[in-house]
Amino acid sequence: MTAFPRRIAIVTDAWKPQVNGVVRTLEETITRLIARGHVVETVTPDQFTSVPMPFYREIRLALVPARTVARKLAAFAPDIVHIATEGPIGWAARNWCLKHAVPFTSAFHTRFPDYVAVRTGLSAERFWPLMQRFHAPGRAVLAATPSLRRELVGRGIGPVVPWSRGIDAGLFHPNVDADPLIADLPGPVMLYVGRVAPEKGLDEFLRIDRPGNKVIVGDGPALAALKARYPKAHFVGRLTGRALASAYAAADCFVFPSRSDTFGLVMVEALACGVPVAGFPVQGPIDIVGPVGRGGMNELLHPIGAVDENLGHAIDRALMCRREDCARYGAEFSWDAATDQFVAALASALETGTSIAA
């Protein structure tokens, strides 16, 4: 394999101040690439005039970004470009790479066809051809989980290579002090962390009739409606850093009700803090928790959570898991290991020399 390039352009429509798994993954990866001696240039929405994305106002969509993207990439002269998102900046970078025969990889972070389907009522299948077209010319498509990689291959998107996720082990661990306000609630405490939006399945969680208390950490367009609909739930707003870790530590069970996420970094953070996870048997939970709660490959001796089409049953089983087993499994997810995968994917993409076609 040829020497790995040192000039990497990373292009994304998702960036700070957004708080989500895509932004977190890119921040952690960029930090480690630079520490390893690579030269990294980012092309991000804050460098453009932008407008809020319909249905998802936290994401800013760049207006007419093609000329600026072309100028930035040409000035940087990357060995390879990694395109993280399928938004306007991502499309502009894709087109520049094709025009100048610069190799690029892409990533499949977000199931946009499912997100749009939830908001519009249209079938998600109507939007998949656009995803196929976007990713087709790239040298590789990076995806986090085995089930997502299988689906992408089945849809003719690829070649697909693994790019997992990690945790900040100094922040998320079993010895974190629990948030006293959450820990003092009558248990069991069932916690959700993430965007408060229709596609996250929060209604399915909040309507479950179980003893204890439900705590929602996060913000989003569905917040006011859910507060009104579920007055007994505790909505504490967005938390980050040590405050977020303390919220995890105070919970008895972490509930992940989304059916549309591709990974769910919050599940791994919760596990690292010793909190078992309950979810549906879909991409994300099925890859992390596993079909029988013993990891995605059924490799664990003891369960660290549960998945079930009846989310209440999954919660009941998750509550029986041991915190030490959860923490041990969560600690296995490493950003350094994930960056190793990213580096290997880009190096292999350059080595293949696959022809680029629109």
Protein backbone atom coordinates (compact mmCIF):
# COMPACT_ATOMS: atom_id res chain seq x y z
CA MET A 1 0.00 0.00 0.00
CA THR A 2 1.32 3.44 -0.87
CA ALA A 3 2.24 5.95 1.82
CA PHE A 4 -0.87 7.47 3.30
CA PRO A 5 -1.60 11.04 2.20
CA ARG A 6 -1.01 13.85 4.58
CA ARG A 7 -3.38 16.39 3.01
CA ILE A 8 -7.00 15.48 3.77
CA ALA A 9 -9.97 17.73 3.12
CA ILE A 10 -13.05 16.97 5.23
CA VAL A 11 -16.27 18.44 3.89
CA THR A 12 -19.49 18.51 5.91
CA ASP A 13 -22.89 20.21 6.05
CA ALA A 14 -23.13 19.31 9.76
CA TRP A 15 -20.90 21.28 12.12
CA LYS A 16 -20.75 23.26 15.34
CA PRO A 17 -22.72 24.59 17.14
CA GLN A 18 -24.84 21.53 16.34
CA VAL A 19 -24.64 18.81 18.98
CA ASN A 20 -25.07 15.43 17.32
CA GLY A 21 -23.24 12.25 16.49
CA VAL A 22 -21.99 13.44 13.10
CA VAL A 23 -20.36 16.56 14.50
CA ARG A 24 -18.91 14.68 17.45
CA THR A 25 -17.45 11.99 15.20
CA LEU A 26 -15.84 14.53 12.88
CA GLU A 27 -14.38 16.58 15.75
CA GLU A 28 -12.83 13.53 17.38
CA THR A 29 -11.47 12.23 14.08
CA ILE A 30 -9.98 15.56 12.98
CA THR A 31 -8.27 16.01 16.35
CA ARG A 32 -6.62 12.61 16.04
CA LEU A 33 -5.66 13.02 12.39
CA ILE A 34 -3.82 16.25 13.20
CA ALA A 35 -2.14 14.63 16.21
CA ARG A 36 -0.88 11.89 13.87
CA GLY A 37 0.74 14.44 11.59
CA HIS A 38 -1.84 14.74 8.81
CA VAL A 39 -2.71 18.14 7.36
CA VAL A 40 -6.47 18.60 7.53
CA GLU A 41 -8.62 21.27 5.90
CA THR A 42 -12.30 21.53 6.80
CA VAL A 43 -15.07 22.95 4.66
CA THR A 44 -18.03 23.61 6.97
CA PRO A 45 -21.31 25.58 7.02
CA ASP A 46 -19.96 28.41 9.17
CA GLN A 47 -17.83 29.49 6.20
CA PHE A 48 -20.92 30.28 4.08
CA THR A 49 -24.09 32.32 4.06
CA SER A 50 -26.71 29.80 5.11
CA VAL A 51 -30.38 29.27 5.95
CA PRO A 52 -31.99 26.86 8.41
CA MET A 53 -32.82 23.46 6.97
CA PRO A 54 -36.59 22.86 6.74
CA PHE A 55 -37.78 20.60 9.59
CA TYR A 56 -34.30 20.69 11.20
CA ARG A 57 -33.46 24.30 11.98
CA GLU A 58 -30.28 23.47 13.88
CA ILE A 59 -28.69 22.44 10.58
CA ARG A 60 -27.72 25.37 8.37
CA LEU A 61 -27.78 24.82 4.61
CA ALA A 62 -25.17 26.76 2.66
CA LEU A 63 -26.48 28.97 -0.14
CA VAL A 64 -24.84 28.52 -3.55
CA PRO A 65 -21.64 27.03 -2.11
CA ALA A 66 -20.09 25.68 -5.33
CA ARG A 67 -17.69 28.55 -6.07
CA THR A 68 -16.42 28.88 -2.50
CA VAL A 69 -16.03 25.12 -2.11
CA ALA A 70 -14.07 24.98 -5.37
CA ARG A 71 -11.83 27.83 -4.30
CA LYS A 72 -11.08 26.31 -0.89
CA LEU A 73 -10.37 22.84 -2.24
CA ALA A 74 -8.21 24.12 -5.08
CA ALA A 75 -6.17 26.27 -2.70
CA PHE A 76 -5.64 23.35 -0.32
CA ALA A 77 -4.82 20.82 -3.08
CA PRO A 78 -5.88 17.72 -1.12
CA ASP A 79 -4.57 14.23 -1.77
CA ILE A 80 -8.07 12.98 -1.02
CA VAL A 81 -11.40 14.47 0.05
CA HIS A 82 -13.78 12.95 2.59
CA ILE A 83 -17.39 14.08 2.17
CA ALA A 84 -19.37 13.50 5.34
CA THR A 85 -22.86 14.62 4.32
CA GLU A 86 -25.17 14.73 1.33
CA GLY A 87 -26.11 18.42 1.67
CA PRO A 88 -25.29 21.40 -0.57
CA ILE A 89 -21.63 21.59 0.55
CA GLY A 90 -21.24 17.85 0.09
CA TRP A 91 -22.69 17.97 -3.43
CA ALA A 92 -20.45 20.92 -4.35
CA ALA A 93 -17.37 19.02 -3.15
CA ARG A 94 -18.47 15.87 -4.98
CA ASN A 95 -18.83 17.78 -8.22
CA TRP A 96 -15.44 19.49 -7.78
CA CYS A 97 -13.77 16.13 -7.19
CA LEU A 98 -15.33 14.68 -10.32
CA LYS A 99 -14.35 17.69 -12.43
CA HIS A 100 -10.73 17.60 -11.27
CA ALA A 101 -10.36 13.80 -10.92
CA VAL A 102 -9.58 14.09 -7.22
CA PRO A 103 -10.41 10.88 -5.31
CA PHE A 104 -12.98 11.09 -2.55
CA THR A 105 -14.67 8.95 0.03
CA SER A 106 -18.05 9.58 1.58
CA ALA A 107 -19.87 8.52 4.73
CA PHE A 108 -23.41 7.40 5.48
CA HIS A 109 -24.17 8.94 8.85
CA THR A 110 -27.86 9.80 8.61
CA ARG A 111 -30.86 8.03 7.14
CA PHE A 112 -32.18 11.13 5.39
CA PRO A 113 -34.77 9.15 3.37
CA ASP A 114 -36.37 8.02 6.64
CA TYR A 115 -36.15 11.48 8.21
CA VAL A 116 -37.82 13.11 5.19
CA ALA A 117 -40.45 10.38 5.08
CA VAL A 118 -41.43 11.04 8.70
CA ARG A 119 -41.81 14.78 8.03
CA THR A 120 -43.57 14.56 4.64
CA GLY A 121 -45.58 11.36 4.78
CA LEU A 122 -43.94 10.23 1.53
CA SER A 123 -42.30 6.83 1.14
CA ALA A 124 -38.61 6.75 2.03
CA GLU A 125 -38.03 4.72 -1.14
CA ARG A 126 -38.61 7.87 -3.20
CA PHE A 127 -35.46 9.43 -1.76
CA TRP A 128 -33.02 6.51 -1.91
CA PRO A 129 -32.10 7.01 -5.60
CA LEU A 130 -30.65 10.41 -4.68
CA MET A 131 -28.47 8.75 -2.03
CA GLN A 132 -27.34 6.16 -4.57
CA ARG A 133 -26.40 8.84 -7.08
CA PHE A 134 -24.49 10.89 -4.49
CA HIS A 135 -22.28 8.06 -3.27
CA ALA A 136 -21.75 6.20 -6.57
CA PRO A 137 -18.58 7.99 -7.79
CA GLY A 138 -16.68 7.72 -4.50
CA ARG A 139 -13.86 5.29 -3.80
CA ALA A 140 -15.52 4.06 -0.57
CA VAL A 141 -18.55 4.69 1.63
CA LEU A 142 -17.80 4.63 5.36
CA ALA A 143 -20.56 3.27 7.60
CA ALA A 144 -20.65 2.52 11.30
CA THR A 145 -22.47 -0.77 11.77
CA PRO A 146 -22.71 -4.20 10.10
CA SER A 147 -26.46 -3.96 9.54
CA LEU A 148 -26.15 -0.55 7.87
CA ARG A 149 -23.31 -1.78 5.67
CA ARG A 150 -25.41 -4.77 4.58
CA GLU A 151 -28.33 -2.51 3.74
CA LEU A 152 -26.19 -0.11 1.72
CA VAL A 153 -24.68 -2.98 -0.27
CA GLY A 154 -28.19 -4.31 -0.90
CA ARG A 155 -29.18 -0.91 -2.26
CA GLY A 156 -26.21 -0.80 -4.61
CA ILE A 157 -24.25 1.74 -2.56
CA GLY A 158 -20.58 0.98 -2.07
CA PRO A 159 -17.93 -0.24 -1.76
CA VAL A 160 -18.76 0.01 1.93
CA VAL A 161 -16.10 -0.08 4.64
CA PRO A 162 -16.36 0.06 8.45
CA TRP A 163 -15.94 3.24 10.46
CA SER A 164 -17.06 2.74 14.05
CA ARG A 165 -17.40 5.25 16.88
CA GLY A 166 -15.84 5.81 20.27
CA ILE A 167 -16.28 7.50 23.62
CA ASP A 168 -14.31 9.95 25.73
CA ALA A 169 -13.19 7.50 28.39
CA GLY A 170 -12.10 10.33 30.65
CA LEU A 171 -15.64 11.66 30.69
CA PHE A 172 -17.90 8.63 30.37
CA HIS A 173 -17.02 5.94 32.90
CA PRO A 174 -18.71 4.11 35.80
CA ASN A 175 -17.23 6.32 38.53
CA VAL A 176 -18.95 9.52 37.41
CA ASP A 177 -20.87 11.30 40.17
CA ALA A 178 -24.59 10.99 39.50
CA ASP A 179 -26.68 14.11 38.97
CA PRO A 180 -28.39 14.49 42.37
CA LEU A 181 -31.63 15.93 40.98
CA ILE A 182 -32.08 12.98 38.63
CA ALA A 183 -30.78 10.37 41.06
CA ASP A 184 -33.25 11.52 43.75
CA LEU A 185 -36.27 10.82 41.53
CA PRO A 186 -38.25 7.71 42.51
CA GLY A 187 -36.86 4.90 40.41
CA PRO A 188 -36.34 3.29 38.16
CA VAL A 189 -35.10 6.33 36.23
CA MET A 190 -35.44 5.85 32.46
CA LEU A 191 -33.29 8.30 30.49
CA TYR A 192 -33.31 9.53 26.90
CA VAL A 193 -30.56 11.75 25.46
CA GLY A 194 -30.77 13.24 22.00
CA ARG A 195 -32.66 15.52 19.69
CA VAL A 196 -36.31 16.03 20.65
CA ALA A 197 -37.85 15.53 17.24
CA PRO A 198 -40.58 13.42 15.60
CA GLU A 199 -38.19 10.94 13.98
CA LYS A 200 -36.67 9.99 17.37
CA GLY A 201 -39.67 7.92 18.51
CA LEU A 202 -40.12 9.71 21.82
CA ASP A 203 -43.88 9.24 21.80
CA GLU A 204 -43.37 5.47 21.86
CA PHE A 205 -41.15 5.84 24.92
CA LEU A 206 -43.14 8.42 26.84
CA ARG A 207 -46.49 6.67 26.47
CA ILE A 208 -45.18 3.49 28.11
CA ASP A 209 -46.85 2.85 31.46
CA ARG A 210 -44.11 1.79 33.86
CA PRO A 211 -43.27 2.66 37.48
CA GLY A 212 -40.50 5.21 37.95
CA ASN A 213 -39.62 8.40 36.13
CA LYS A 214 -38.75 9.32 32.55
CA VAL A 215 -36.07 11.97 31.96
CA ILE A 216 -35.48 13.64 28.59
CA VAL A 217 -32.14 15.36 27.92
CA GLY A 218 -32.07 17.44 24.75
CA ASP A 219 -33.81 20.08 22.72
CA GLY A 220 -35.64 20.20 19.41
CA PRO A 221 -38.81 21.09 17.52
CA ALA A 222 -41.05 18.60 19.33
CA LEU A 223 -40.13 19.79 22.82
CA ALA A 224 -43.13 22.03 23.53
CA ALA A 225 -45.65 19.50 22.23
CA LEU A 226 -44.14 16.63 24.22
CA LYS A 227 -44.01 18.70 27.40
CA ALA A 228 -47.69 19.42 27.04
CA ARG A 229 -48.57 15.83 26.17
CA TYR A 230 -46.50 14.19 28.92
CA PRO A 231 -46.50 16.49 31.97
CA LYS A 232 -45.14 13.77 34.27
CA ALA A 233 -41.91 13.42 32.28
CA HIS A 234 -38.88 15.50 33.25
CA PHE A 235 -37.44 17.62 30.43
CA VAL A 236 -34.07 19.00 31.54
CA GLY A 237 -32.81 20.57 28.28
CA ARG A 238 -29.53 20.05 26.50
CA LEU A 239 -26.54 18.85 28.54
CA THR A 240 -22.93 18.35 27.50
CA GLY A 241 -19.63 17.34 29.06
CA ARG A 242 -19.60 16.42 32.73
CA ALA A 243 -23.24 17.42 33.20
CA LEU A 244 -24.25 14.89 30.54
CA ALA A 245 -22.07 12.18 32.04
CA SER A 246 -23.67 12.84 35.45
CA ALA A 247 -27.14 12.48 33.90
CA TYR A 248 -26.18 9.10 32.46
CA ALA A 249 -24.77 7.99 35.80
CA ALA A 250 -28.03 8.85 37.57
CA ALA A 251 -30.15 6.63 35.32
CA ASP A 252 -31.19 3.03 35.83
CA CYS A 253 -31.89 2.43 32.15
CA PHE A 254 -31.12 4.29 28.94
CA VAL A 255 -33.94 4.17 26.41
CA PHE A 256 -33.21 4.60 22.70
CA PRO A 257 -36.59 4.68 20.91
CA SER A 258 -35.35 5.79 17.47
CA ARG A 259 -35.91 3.54 14.47
CA SER A 260 -34.00 5.76 12.04
CA ASP A 261 -30.51 6.32 13.53
CA THR A 262 -27.53 4.58 11.95
CA PHE A 263 -25.52 4.17 15.16
CA GLY A 264 -26.58 6.04 18.28
CA LEU A 265 -23.43 7.28 19.99
CA VAL A 266 -25.44 8.11 23.12
CA MET A 267 -26.04 4.39 23.68
CA VAL A 268 -22.31 3.74 23.92
CA GLU A 269 -21.80 6.70 26.25
CA ALA A 270 -24.57 5.43 28.52
CA LEU A 271 -23.12 1.92 28.57
CA ALA A 272 -19.67 3.28 29.45
CA CYS A 273 -21.26 4.94 32.48
CA GLY A 274 -22.70 1.57 33.52
CA VAL A 275 -26.26 2.12 32.26
CA PRO A 276 -28.05 -0.71 30.38
CA VAL A 277 -29.78 0.15 27.12
CA ALA A 278 -33.28 -0.64 25.86
CA GLY A 279 -34.35 -0.15 22.26
CA PHE A 280 -36.11 -1.60 19.26
CA PRO A 281 -34.51 -4.40 17.19
CA VAL A 282 -33.38 -2.02 14.43
CA GLN A 283 -30.09 -0.62 13.11
CA GLY A 284 -28.13 0.88 15.95
CA PRO A 285 -29.51 -1.02 18.93
CA ILE A 286 -29.26 -4.37 17.13
CA ASP A 287 -25.59 -3.68 16.34
CA ILE A 288 -24.58 -2.35 19.76
CA VAL A 289 -26.86 -4.13 22.23
CA GLY A 290 -27.40 -7.17 20.02
CA PRO A 291 -30.49 -9.28 19.32
CA VAL A 292 -30.32 -11.02 22.70
CA GLY A 293 -28.62 -8.20 24.61
CA ARG A 294 -25.14 -9.71 24.55
CA GLY A 295 -23.49 -7.41 22.00
CA GLY A 296 -23.85 -7.11 18.26
CA MET A 297 -22.02 -10.40 17.62
CA ASN A 298 -23.55 -12.14 20.66
CA GLU A 299 -20.01 -12.12 22.07
CA LEU A 300 -20.69 -11.15 25.69
CA LEU A 301 -21.19 -13.51 28.62
CA HIS A 302 -23.72 -11.22 30.27
CA PRO A 303 -26.43 -8.96 28.82
CA ILE A 304 -25.90 -5.21 28.66
CA GLY A 305 -29.42 -4.31 27.57
CA ALA A 306 -32.34 -5.58 25.53
CA VAL A 307 -34.16 -4.98 22.26
CA ASP A 308 -37.80 -5.81 21.64
CA GLU A 309 -40.64 -4.63 19.42
CA ASN A 310 -42.41 -4.04 22.73
CA LEU A 311 -40.22 -1.26 24.13
CA GLY A 312 -41.68 -1.74 27.62
CA HIS A 313 -40.51 -5.35 27.63
CA ALA A 314 -37.04 -4.24 26.50
CA ILE A 315 -36.92 -1.79 29.42
CA ASP A 316 -37.98 -4.48 31.89
CA ARG A 317 -35.19 -6.79 30.75
CA ALA A 318 -32.57 -4.05 30.56
CA LEU A 319 -33.24 -3.09 34.17
CA MET A 320 -32.05 -6.55 35.22
CA CYS A 321 -28.58 -6.09 33.68
CA ARG A 322 -25.50 -5.49 35.82
CA ARG A 323 -23.90 -2.05 35.61
CA GLU A 324 -20.37 -3.45 35.69
CA ASP A 325 -21.05 -5.52 32.57
CA CYS A 326 -22.39 -2.47 30.75
CA ALA A 327 -19.41 -0.31 31.71
CA ARG A 328 -16.90 -2.94 30.61
CA TYR A 329 -18.53 -3.22 27.18
CA GLY A 330 -18.94 0.52 26.69
CA ALA A 331 -15.25 1.11 27.43
CA GLU A 332 -14.33 -1.01 24.40
CA PHE A 333 -15.46 1.74 22.00
CA SER A 334 -12.39 3.85 21.23
CA TRP A 335 -11.97 6.98 19.11
CA ASP A 336 -8.39 5.96 18.39
CA ALA A 337 -9.58 2.62 16.98
CA ALA A 338 -12.27 4.41 14.96
CA THR A 339 -9.62 6.78 13.56
CA ASP A 340 -7.49 3.78 12.60
CA GLN A 341 -10.42 2.58 10.49
CA PHE A 342 -10.83 6.02 8.91
CA VAL A 343 -7.14 6.22 8.01
CA ALA A 344 -7.17 2.69 6.58
CA ALA A 345 -10.26 3.45 4.49
CA LEU A 346 -8.74 6.55 2.91
CA ALA A 347 -5.38 4.86 2.29
CA SER A 348 -7.09 1.91 0.64
CA ALA A 349 -9.28 4.24 -1.42
CA LEU A 350 -6.18 5.90 -2.87
CA GLU A 351 -4.51 2.56 -3.49
CA THR A 352 -7.42 1.13 -5.48
CA GLY A 353 -7.35 3.82 -8.14
CA THR A 354 -10.97 3.07 -8.98
CA SER A 355 -12.20 5.05 -11.94
CA ILE A 356 -14.43 7.99 -11.12
CA ALA A 357 -17.70 8.40 -12.97
CA ALA A 358 -20.60 10.78 -12.52
